[in-house]
C-alpha atoms as a PDB file:
ATOM      1  CA  MET A   1       0.000   0.000   0.000  1.00  0.00           C
ATOM      2  CA  GLU A   2       1.160   3.534  -0.718  1.00  0.00           C
ATOM      3  CA  LYS A   3       1.810   5.866   2.188  1.00  0.00           C
ATOM      4  CA  ASP A   4      -1.132   8.092   1.199  1.00  0.00           C
ATOM      5  CA  SER A   5      -3.489   5.142   1.683  1.00  0.00           C
ATOM      6  CA  VAL A   6      -2.770   4.945   5.416  1.00  0.00           C
ATOM      7  CA  LYS A   7      -5.591   6.503   7.419  1.00  0.00           C
ATOM      8  CA  LEU A   8      -4.440   5.469  10.894  1.00  0.00           C
ATOM      9  CA  HIS A   9      -1.046   4.204  12.009  1.00  0.00           C
ATOM     10  CA  ILE A  10      -0.721   2.522  15.390  1.00  0.00           C
ATOM     11  CA  ASP A  11       3.027   2.680  15.911  1.00  0.00           C
ATOM     12  CA  THR A  12       4.226   0.267  18.622  1.00  0.00           C
ATOM     13  CA  ILE A  13       2.083   1.640  21.451  1.00  0.00           C
ATOM     14  CA  SER A  14       2.230   0.295  24.992  1.00  0.00           C
ATOM     15  CA  LEU A  15      -0.234   1.080  27.773  1.00  0.00           C
ATOM     16  CA  SER A  16       0.071   0.092  31.428  1.00  0.00           C
ATOM     17  CA  PHE A  17      -2.096   0.598  34.510  1.00  0.00           C
ATOM     18  CA  GLY A  18       0.214   0.123  37.462  1.00  0.00           C
ATOM     19  CA  GLY A  19       1.685  -3.317  37.006  1.00  0.00           C
ATOM     20  CA  ILE A  20      -0.910  -4.363  34.435  1.00  0.00           C
ATOM     21  CA  ARG A  21       0.229  -4.161  30.816  1.00  0.00           C
ATOM     22  CA  ALA A  22      -2.959  -3.607  28.828  1.00  0.00           C
ATOM     23  CA  LEU A  23      -1.175  -3.129  25.480  1.00  0.00           C
ATOM     24  CA  GLN A  24       2.332  -4.218  24.538  1.00  0.00           C
ATOM     25  CA  ASP A  25       4.033  -2.884  21.405  1.00  0.00           C
ATOM     26  CA  ILE A  26       0.853  -2.882  19.323  1.00  0.00           C
ATOM     27  CA  HIS A  27       1.461  -1.913  15.716  1.00  0.00           C
ATOM     28  CA  PHE A  28      -0.691  -1.979  12.592  1.00  0.00           C
ATOM     29  CA  LYS A  29      -2.093   0.335   9.927  1.00  0.00           C
ATOM     30  CA  VAL A  30      -5.673   1.036   8.922  1.00  0.00           C
ATOM     31  CA  HIS A  31      -5.929   1.879   5.237  1.00  0.00           C
ATOM     32  CA  ARG A  32      -8.252   4.472   3.830  1.00  0.00           C
ATOM     33  CA  GLY A  33     -11.715   3.106   2.990  1.00  0.00           C
ATOM     34  CA  GLU A  34     -11.302  -0.324   4.581  1.00  0.00           C
ATOM     35  CA  ILE A  35     -13.131  -2.136   7.359  1.00  0.00           C
ATOM     36  CA  LEU A  36     -10.551  -3.490   9.784  1.00  0.00           C
ATOM     37  CA  ALA A  37     -11.729  -5.708  12.633  1.00  0.00           C
ATOM     38  CA  VAL A  38      -9.898  -6.124  15.936  1.00  0.00           C
ATOM     39  CA  ILE A  39     -10.678  -9.410  17.651  1.00  0.00           C
ATOM     40  CA  GLY A  40      -9.552 -11.250  20.747  1.00  0.00           C
ATOM     41  CA  PRO A  41     -10.825 -12.917  23.929  1.00  0.00           C
ATOM     42  CA  ASN A  42     -12.109 -10.881  26.873  1.00  0.00           C
ATOM     43  CA  GLY A  43      -9.217  -8.975  28.442  1.00  0.00           C
ATOM     44  CA  ALA A  44      -7.175  -8.993  25.237  1.00  0.00           C
ATOM     45  CA  GLY A  45      -6.891  -5.183  25.212  1.00  0.00           C
ATOM     46  CA  LYS A  46      -9.396  -4.342  22.483  1.00  0.00           C
ATOM     47  CA  THR A  47     -11.247  -1.576  24.321  1.00  0.00           C
ATOM     48  CA  SER A  48      -7.975  -0.221  25.718  1.00  0.00           C
ATOM     49  CA  LEU A  49      -6.837   0.094  22.113  1.00  0.00           C
ATOM     50  CA  ILE A  50      -9.916   1.984  20.959  1.00  0.00           C
ATOM     51  CA  ASN A  51      -9.768   4.207  24.057  1.00  0.00           C
ATOM     52  CA  SER A  52      -6.179   5.036  23.139  1.00  0.00           C
ATOM     53  CA  ILE A  53      -7.108   5.915  19.571  1.00  0.00           C
ATOM     54  CA  ASN A  54      -9.819   8.373  20.560  1.00  0.00           C
ATOM     55  CA  GLY A  55      -7.829   9.876  23.437  1.00  0.00           C
ATOM     56  CA  PHE A  56      -9.468   8.490  26.579  1.00  0.00           C
ATOM     57  CA  TYR A  57      -6.198   6.714  27.398  1.00  0.00           C
ATOM     58  CA  ARG A  58      -2.650   7.955  26.780  1.00  0.00           C
ATOM     59  CA  PRO A  59      -0.178   5.175  25.937  1.00  0.00           C
ATOM     60  CA  GLN A  60       3.156   5.521  27.706  1.00  0.00           C
ATOM     61  CA  GLN A  61       5.094   4.452  24.604  1.00  0.00           C
ATOM     62  CA  GLY A  62       4.682   4.640  20.857  1.00  0.00           C
ATOM     63  CA  ALA A  63       2.627   6.958  18.674  1.00  0.00           C
ATOM     64  CA  ILE A  64      -0.813   7.165  17.080  1.00  0.00           C
ATOM     65  CA  CYS A  65      -0.851   8.928  13.711  1.00  0.00           C
ATOM     66  CA  PHE A  66      -4.022   9.991  11.928  1.00  0.00           C
ATOM     67  CA  GLU A  67      -3.779  11.234   8.335  1.00  0.00           C
ATOM     68  CA  GLY A  68      -0.031  11.508   8.822  1.00  0.00           C
ATOM     69  CA  GLN A  69      -0.343  13.647  11.972  1.00  0.00           C
ATOM     70  CA  ASP A  70       0.823  12.469  15.393  1.00  0.00           C
ATOM     71  CA  ILE A  71      -2.278  12.793  17.595  1.00  0.00           C
ATOM     72  CA  SER A  72      -0.878  10.943  20.610  1.00  0.00           C
ATOM     73  CA  HIS A  73      -1.104  13.969  22.908  1.00  0.00           C
ATOM     74  CA  LEU A  74      -4.368  15.476  21.620  1.00  0.00           C
ATOM     75  CA  PRO A  75      -7.457  15.389  23.886  1.00  0.00           C
ATOM     76  CA  PRO A  76     -10.548  13.490  22.708  1.00  0.00           C
ATOM     77  CA  TYR A  77     -12.406  16.576  21.466  1.00  0.00           C
ATOM     78  CA  LYS A  78      -9.483  17.570  19.242  1.00  0.00           C
ATOM     79  CA  ARG A  79      -9.431  14.095  17.731  1.00  0.00           C
ATOM     80  CA  ALA A  80     -13.176  14.344  17.121  1.00  0.00           C
ATOM     81  CA  GLN A  81     -12.625  17.647  15.320  1.00  0.00           C
ATOM     82  CA  LEU A  82     -10.057  15.942  13.088  1.00  0.00           C
ATOM     83  CA  GLY A  83     -12.655  13.342  12.079  1.00  0.00           C
ATOM     84  CA  ILE A  84     -12.472  10.451  14.580  1.00  0.00           C
ATOM     85  CA  SER A  85     -15.773   9.303  16.045  1.00  0.00           C
ATOM     86  CA  ARG A  86     -16.772   6.258  18.085  1.00  0.00           C
ATOM     87  CA  THR A  87     -19.473   4.186  19.708  1.00  0.00           C
ATOM     88  CA  PHE A  88     -19.090   2.566  23.119  1.00  0.00           C
ATOM     89  CA  GLN A  89     -19.268  -1.018  24.334  1.00  0.00           C
ATOM     90  CA  ASN A  90     -21.582   0.203  27.096  1.00  0.00           C
ATOM     91  CA  ILE A  91     -24.099   2.625  25.632  1.00  0.00           C
ATOM     92  CA  ALA A  92     -23.305   6.251  26.518  1.00  0.00           C
ATOM     93  CA  LEU A  93     -26.310   8.387  25.587  1.00  0.00           C
ATOM     94  CA  TYR A  94     -28.328  11.176  27.209  1.00  0.00           C
ATOM     95  CA  THR A  95     -31.104   8.881  28.396  1.00  0.00           C
ATOM     96  CA  ASN A  96     -33.488  11.699  29.367  1.00  0.00           C
ATOM     97  CA  MET A  97     -33.288  13.308  25.926  1.00  0.00           C
ATOM     98  CA  THR A  98     -34.944  12.278  22.674  1.00  0.00           C
ATOM     99  CA  ALA A  99     -33.146  10.420  19.903  1.00  0.00           C
ATOM    100  CA  LEU A 100     -33.227  13.626  17.841  1.00  0.00           C
ATOM    101  CA  ASP A 101     -31.711  15.694  20.657  1.00  0.00           C
ATOM    102  CA  ASN A 102     -28.939  13.129  21.193  1.00  0.00           C
ATOM    103  CA  LEU A 103     -27.934  13.462  17.552  1.00  0.00           C
ATOM    104  CA  MET A 104     -28.151  17.260  17.662  1.00  0.00           C
ATOM    105  CA  ALA A 105     -25.906  17.294  20.741  1.00  0.00           C
ATOM    106  CA  ALA A 106     -23.183  15.607  18.689  1.00  0.00           C
ATOM    107  CA  ARG A 107     -23.180  18.550  16.276  1.00  0.00           C
ATOM    108  CA  HIS A 108     -21.648  20.884  18.857  1.00  0.00           C
ATOM    109  CA  ILE A 109     -18.115  20.560  17.469  1.00  0.00           C
ATOM    110  CA  HIS A 110     -19.352  21.973  14.145  1.00  0.00           C
ATOM    111  CA  MET A 111     -21.268  24.907  15.615  1.00  0.00           C
ATOM    112  CA  LYS A 112     -19.834  28.383  14.980  1.00  0.00           C
ATOM    113  CA  ALA A 113     -22.473  30.739  16.440  1.00  0.00           C
ATOM    114  CA  ASN A 114     -21.394  32.711  19.503  1.00  0.00           C
ATOM    115  CA  LEU A 115     -23.304  32.960  22.769  1.00  0.00           C
ATOM    116  CA  LEU A 116     -25.174  36.162  21.827  1.00  0.00           C
ATOM    117  CA  THR A 117     -26.379  35.096  18.371  1.00  0.00           C
ATOM    118  CA  GLY A 118     -27.176  31.639  19.718  1.00  0.00           C
ATOM    119  CA  ALA A 119     -29.264  33.069  22.536  1.00  0.00           C
ATOM    120  CA  LEU A 120     -31.152  35.432  20.224  1.00  0.00           C
ATOM    121  CA  PHE A 121     -31.494  32.704  17.572  1.00  0.00           C
ATOM    122  CA  TRP A 122     -31.400  35.016  14.575  1.00  0.00           C
ATOM    123  CA  GLY A 123     -29.372  35.491  11.407  1.00  0.00           C
ATOM    124  CA  PRO A 124     -26.330  33.203  11.208  1.00  0.00           C
ATOM    125  CA  ALA A 125     -27.379  31.223  14.291  1.00  0.00           C
ATOM    126  CA  ARG A 126     -30.740  30.344  12.772  1.00  0.00           C
ATOM    127  CA  ALA A 127     -29.191  29.376   9.441  1.00  0.00           C
ATOM    128  CA  GLU A 128     -26.636  27.226  11.249  1.00  0.00           C
ATOM    129  CA  GLU A 129     -29.348  25.466  13.237  1.00  0.00           C
ATOM    130  CA  VAL A 130     -31.149  24.653   9.992  1.00  0.00           C
ATOM    131  CA  ARG A 131     -27.979  23.182   8.484  1.00  0.00           C
ATOM    132  CA  HIS A 132     -27.296  21.014  11.522  1.00  0.00           C
ATOM    133  CA  ARG A 133     -30.908  19.860  11.662  1.00  0.00           C
ATOM    134  CA  ARG A 134     -30.729  18.868   7.986  1.00  0.00           C
ATOM    135  CA  VAL A 135     -27.652  16.681   8.628  1.00  0.00           C
ATOM    136  CA  VAL A 136     -29.336  15.022  11.608  1.00  0.00           C
ATOM    137  CA  GLU A 137     -32.572  14.398   9.712  1.00  0.00           C
ATOM    138  CA  GLU A 138     -30.611  12.698   6.929  1.00  0.00           C
ATOM    139  CA  ILE A 139     -29.003  10.382   9.486  1.00  0.00           C
ATOM    140  CA  ILE A 140     -32.402   9.616  11.047  1.00  0.00           C
ATOM    141  CA  ASP A 141     -33.731   8.706   7.615  1.00  0.00           C
ATOM    142  CA  PHE A 142     -30.631   6.652   6.752  1.00  0.00           C
ATOM    143  CA  LEU A 143     -30.795   4.622   9.983  1.00  0.00           C
ATOM    144  CA  GLU A 144     -34.585   4.231   9.746  1.00  0.00           C
ATOM    145  CA  MET A 145     -35.240   6.024  13.038  1.00  0.00           C
ATOM    146  CA  GLU A 146     -38.146   8.221  11.962  1.00  0.00           C
ATOM    147  CA  SER A 147     -40.605   6.458  14.273  1.00  0.00           C
ATOM    148  CA  ILE A 148     -38.386   7.039  17.337  1.00  0.00           C
ATOM    149  CA  ARG A 149     -36.976  10.497  16.586  1.00  0.00           C
ATOM    150  CA  LYS A 150     -39.013  12.159  19.360  1.00  0.00           C
ATOM    151  CA  THR A 151     -38.846   9.229  21.794  1.00  0.00           C
ATOM    152  CA  ILE A 152     -36.897   9.566  25.053  1.00  0.00           C
ATOM    153  CA  VAL A 153     -33.833   7.357  24.634  1.00  0.00           C
ATOM    154  CA  GLY A 154     -34.278   5.755  28.070  1.00  0.00           C
ATOM    155  CA  ASN A 155     -37.591   4.319  26.866  1.00  0.00           C
ATOM    156  CA  LEU A 156     -36.111   2.623  23.809  1.00  0.00           C
ATOM    157  CA  SER A 157     -35.129  -1.019  23.475  1.00  0.00           C
ATOM    158  CA  TYR A 158     -31.450  -1.914  23.755  1.00  0.00           C
ATOM    159  CA  GLY A 159     -31.099  -2.486  20.021  1.00  0.00           C
ATOM    160  CA  LEU A 160     -32.635   0.882  19.144  1.00  0.00           C
ATOM    161  CA  ARG A 161     -30.415   2.669  21.649  1.00  0.00           C
ATOM    162  CA  LYS A 162     -27.423   1.092  19.931  1.00  0.00           C
ATOM    163  CA  ARG A 163     -28.746   2.497  16.658  1.00  0.00           C
ATOM    164  CA  VAL A 164     -29.123   5.975  18.173  1.00  0.00           C
ATOM    165  CA  GLU A 165     -25.526   5.774  19.375  1.00  0.00           C
ATOM    166  CA  LEU A 166     -24.378   4.902  15.865  1.00  0.00           C
ATOM    167  CA  GLY A 167     -26.365   7.884  14.602  1.00  0.00           C
ATOM    168  CA  ARG A 168     -24.705  10.151  17.134  1.00  0.00           C
ATOM    169  CA  ALA A 169     -21.266   8.975  15.989  1.00  0.00           C
ATOM    170  CA  LEU A 170     -22.224   9.737  12.384  1.00  0.00           C
ATOM    171  CA  ALA A 171     -23.498  13.185  13.367  1.00  0.00           C
ATOM    172  CA  LEU A 172     -19.893  14.171  14.062  1.00  0.00           C
ATOM    173  CA  GLU A 173     -19.246  13.644  10.321  1.00  0.00           C
ATOM    174  CA  PRO A 174     -16.194  11.437  10.887  1.00  0.00           C
ATOM    175  CA  THR A 175     -13.789  10.064   8.324  1.00  0.00           C
ATOM    176  CA  LEU A 176     -12.726   7.299  10.741  1.00  0.00           C
ATOM    177  CA  LEU A 177     -15.448   5.449  12.636  1.00  0.00           C
ATOM    178  CA  LEU A 178     -14.511   3.376  15.701  1.00  0.00           C
ATOM    179  CA  LEU A 179     -17.137   0.790  16.641  1.00  0.00           C
ATOM    180  CA  ASP A 180     -16.695  -0.924  20.009  1.00  0.00           C
ATOM    181  CA  GLU A 181     -18.810  -4.097  19.917  1.00  0.00           C
ATOM    182  CA  PRO A 182     -21.757  -2.456  18.126  1.00  0.00           C
ATOM    183  CA  MET A 183     -23.787  -5.686  18.203  1.00  0.00           C
ATOM    184  CA  ALA A 184     -23.150  -6.845  21.773  1.00  0.00           C
ATOM    185  CA  GLY A 185     -26.380  -7.898  23.476  1.00  0.00           C
ATOM    186  CA  MET A 186     -28.483  -7.803  20.308  1.00  0.00           C
ATOM    187  CA  ASN A 187     -30.788 -10.480  18.975  1.00  0.00           C
ATOM    188  CA  VAL A 188     -30.327 -11.954  15.494  1.00  0.00           C
ATOM    189  CA  GLU A 189     -32.639  -9.495  13.748  1.00  0.00           C
ATOM    190  CA  GLU A 190     -31.011  -6.486  15.423  1.00  0.00           C
ATOM    191  CA  LYS A 191     -27.552  -7.780  14.465  1.00  0.00           C
ATOM    192  CA  GLU A 192     -28.622  -8.139  10.842  1.00  0.00           C
ATOM    193  CA  ASP A 193     -29.912  -4.562  10.803  1.00  0.00           C
ATOM    194  CA  MET A 194     -26.715  -3.207  12.357  1.00  0.00           C
ATOM    195  CA  ALA A 195     -24.511  -5.148   9.926  1.00  0.00           C
ATOM    196  CA  ARG A 196     -26.534  -3.723   7.036  1.00  0.00           C
ATOM    197  CA  PHE A 197     -26.119  -0.179   8.346  1.00  0.00           C
ATOM    198  CA  ILE A 198     -22.366  -0.619   8.805  1.00  0.00           C
ATOM    199  CA  LEU A 199     -21.959  -1.907   5.247  1.00  0.00           C
ATOM    200  CA  ASP A 200     -24.138   0.914   3.893  1.00  0.00           C
ATOM    201  CA  ILE A 201     -22.057   3.504   5.765  1.00  0.00           C
ATOM    202  CA  HIS A 202     -18.911   2.032   4.277  1.00  0.00           C
ATOM    203  CA  GLU A 203     -20.234   1.699   0.739  1.00  0.00           C
ATOM    204  CA  ARG A 204     -22.102   5.003   0.468  1.00  0.00           C
ATOM    205  CA  GLN A 205     -19.601   7.212   2.244  1.00  0.00           C
ATOM    206  CA  GLY A 206     -16.368   5.307   1.673  1.00  0.00           C
ATOM    207  CA  MET A 207     -15.996   5.380   5.454  1.00  0.00           C
ATOM    208  CA  THR A 208     -12.885   3.921   7.066  1.00  0.00           C
ATOM    209  CA  ILE A 209     -14.063   1.710   9.937  1.00  0.00           C
ATOM    210  CA  LEU A 210     -12.222   0.052  12.810  1.00  0.00           C
ATOM    211  CA  LEU A 211     -14.512  -2.537  14.340  1.00  0.00           C
ATOM    212  CA  ILE A 212     -14.248  -4.479  17.596  1.00  0.00           C
ATOM    213  CA  GLU A 213     -16.600  -7.431  17.590  1.00  0.00           C
ATOM    214  CA  HIS A 214     -16.938 -10.888  19.186  1.00  0.00           C
ATOM    215  CA  ASP A 215     -19.282 -12.284  16.530  1.00  0.00           C
ATOM    216  CA  MET A 216     -16.732 -14.084  14.362  1.00  0.00           C
ATOM    217  CA  GLY A 217     -19.260 -14.835  11.647  1.00  0.00           C
ATOM    218  CA  LEU A 218     -19.921 -11.133  11.227  1.00  0.00           C
ATOM    219  CA  VAL A 219     -16.210 -10.273  11.334  1.00  0.00           C
ATOM    220  CA  MET A 220     -15.457 -12.772   8.588  1.00  0.00           C
ATOM    221  CA  ASP A 221     -18.356 -11.518   6.460  1.00  0.00           C
ATOM    222  CA  ILE A 222     -17.779  -7.765   6.466  1.00  0.00           C
ATOM    223  CA  SER A 223     -14.081  -7.111   7.250  1.00  0.00           C
ATOM    224  CA  HIS A 224     -11.310  -6.592   4.728  1.00  0.00           C
ATOM    225  CA  ARG A 225      -8.571  -7.331   7.250  1.00  0.00           C
ATOM    226  CA  VAL A 226      -8.392  -8.532  10.848  1.00  0.00           C
ATOM    227  CA  VAL A 227      -5.987  -7.856  13.719  1.00  0.00           C
ATOM    228  CA  ALA A 228      -6.052 -10.382  16.578  1.00  0.00           C
ATOM    229  CA  LEU A 229      -4.998  -9.513  20.129  1.00  0.00           C
ATOM    230  CA  ASP A 230      -4.387 -11.684  23.165  1.00  0.00           C
ATOM    231  CA  PHE A 231      -3.171 -10.544  26.604  1.00  0.00           C
ATOM    232  CA  GLY A 232      -2.432  -7.086  25.192  1.00  0.00           C
ATOM    233  CA  GLN A 233      -0.256  -8.333  22.346  1.00  0.00           C
ATOM    234  CA  LYS A 234      -0.868  -8.623  18.625  1.00  0.00           C
ATOM    235  CA  ILE A 235      -0.775 -12.292  17.719  1.00  0.00           C
ATOM    236  CA  ALA A 236      -1.923 -12.146  14.097  1.00  0.00           C
ATOM    237  CA  GLU A 237      -2.890  -9.838  11.240  1.00  0.00           C
ATOM    238  CA  GLY A 238      -4.291 -10.693   7.834  1.00  0.00           C
ATOM    239  CA  THR A 239      -7.351 -11.344   5.727  1.00  0.00           C
ATOM    240  CA  PRO A 240     -10.390 -12.963   7.379  1.00  0.00           C
ATOM    241  CA  ASP A 241      -9.526 -16.302   5.763  1.00  0.00           C
ATOM    242  CA  GLU A 242      -5.926 -16.142   6.977  1.00  0.00           C
ATOM    243  CA  ILE A 243      -7.025 -15.275  10.509  1.00  0.00           C
ATOM    244  CA  LYS A 244      -9.633 -18.019  10.568  1.00  0.00           C
ATOM    245  CA  HIS A 245      -6.937 -20.637   9.987  1.00  0.00           C
ATOM    246  CA  ASP A 246      -4.211 -19.072  12.135  1.00  0.00           C
ATOM    247  CA  GLU A 247      -3.149 -21.489  14.890  1.00  0.00           C
ATOM    248  CA  ARG A 248      -2.400 -18.689  17.358  1.00  0.00           C
ATOM    249  CA  VAL A 249      -5.887 -17.224  16.948  1.00  0.00           C
ATOM    250  CA  VAL A 250      -7.576 -20.607  17.307  1.00  0.00           C
ATOM    251  CA  LYS A 251      -5.560 -21.303  20.443  1.00  0.00           C
ATOM    252  CA  ALA A 252      -6.430 -17.880  21.928  1.00  0.00           C
ATOM    253  CA  TYR A 253     -10.133 -18.516  21.452  1.00  0.00           C
ATOM    254  CA  LEU A 254     -10.271 -22.229  22.233  1.00  0.00           C
ATOM    255  CA  GLY A 255      -7.442 -22.424  24.763  1.00  0.00           C
ATOM    256  CA  GLN A 256      -5.823 -25.405  23.110  1.00  0.00           C
ATOM    257  CA  GLU A 257      -3.263 -26.322  20.490  1.00  0.00           C
ATOM    258  CA  VAL A 258      -4.517 -27.159  17.000  1.00  0.00           C
END
C-alpha cells in the first residue's frame, strides 16, 4: 500500500495501569476506505486500544498517527474535530433526551455561532441550526429512526439505543469510525440490521471503519482485514480467511493447540 493510503497508524504503542500491561508494542495500519476488525478474547486489550485511539487513554510508549499527523497527545475533542468518532461497548447516551436531541448534541463541534447570536437565535445562528438539523434528519432517515426520533432514549429497546448511538457517531461527520462491539447484546434481527447499516455507511460514504466485535461470523463476512490480540499483544494480522486458519488465533479462542 502507498503511504497516502494509510488513514491510521498505530506505531508500537504500549499502555500500562500500574503493574498491568494492557497493550504491549501494538502496531498496525488502517488503510483508507477499509473495514478493519480487531478481535480477541475478553481482556485482550481491544477496548484499551480503541480508548487510546480516541484519546481516553494515553499510551506511555509509541505513537498514534491519523492522516499523517501524530495525535498521541491530543485530547478526545481535538481528535473528534479531526474526524475520529466512536461508539461505546456500554451505551453512553443522554437517556433523558430524545433520539433527535442526542444526535443534535453531537453537532456541537461543528457549531460556529457565539453565545449572543445563539441566545437570540437570529441570522447566522438560525441558518446554522437549519444546516445542523438537515444533517441530523438525513441520518435519522438513513438509519430508519423516523418512528423514534421524538422518543426519550431511556424508553427505547437496547437495540434501538445502539442504533441511536451509531447515529450520534455519524453526526460528528467522521472520516474514521470506531465501533466498540456495536452488536453486543443484540438479537439476530437487530444484528442483521446493524450489519446492514455498517456496510451501507462504508459503501455510500467510503468510510474507514475500525470494528471491535466478538461475533466471528460477522467479522469474517464484512471485514477486509483482521488484527487479533491476546493478553495485550498482537498475535496475528491478515485477511479474514488467513485469521480463521491461524493457529495462534484458534488457540487464543479455544485455549488449546490445534
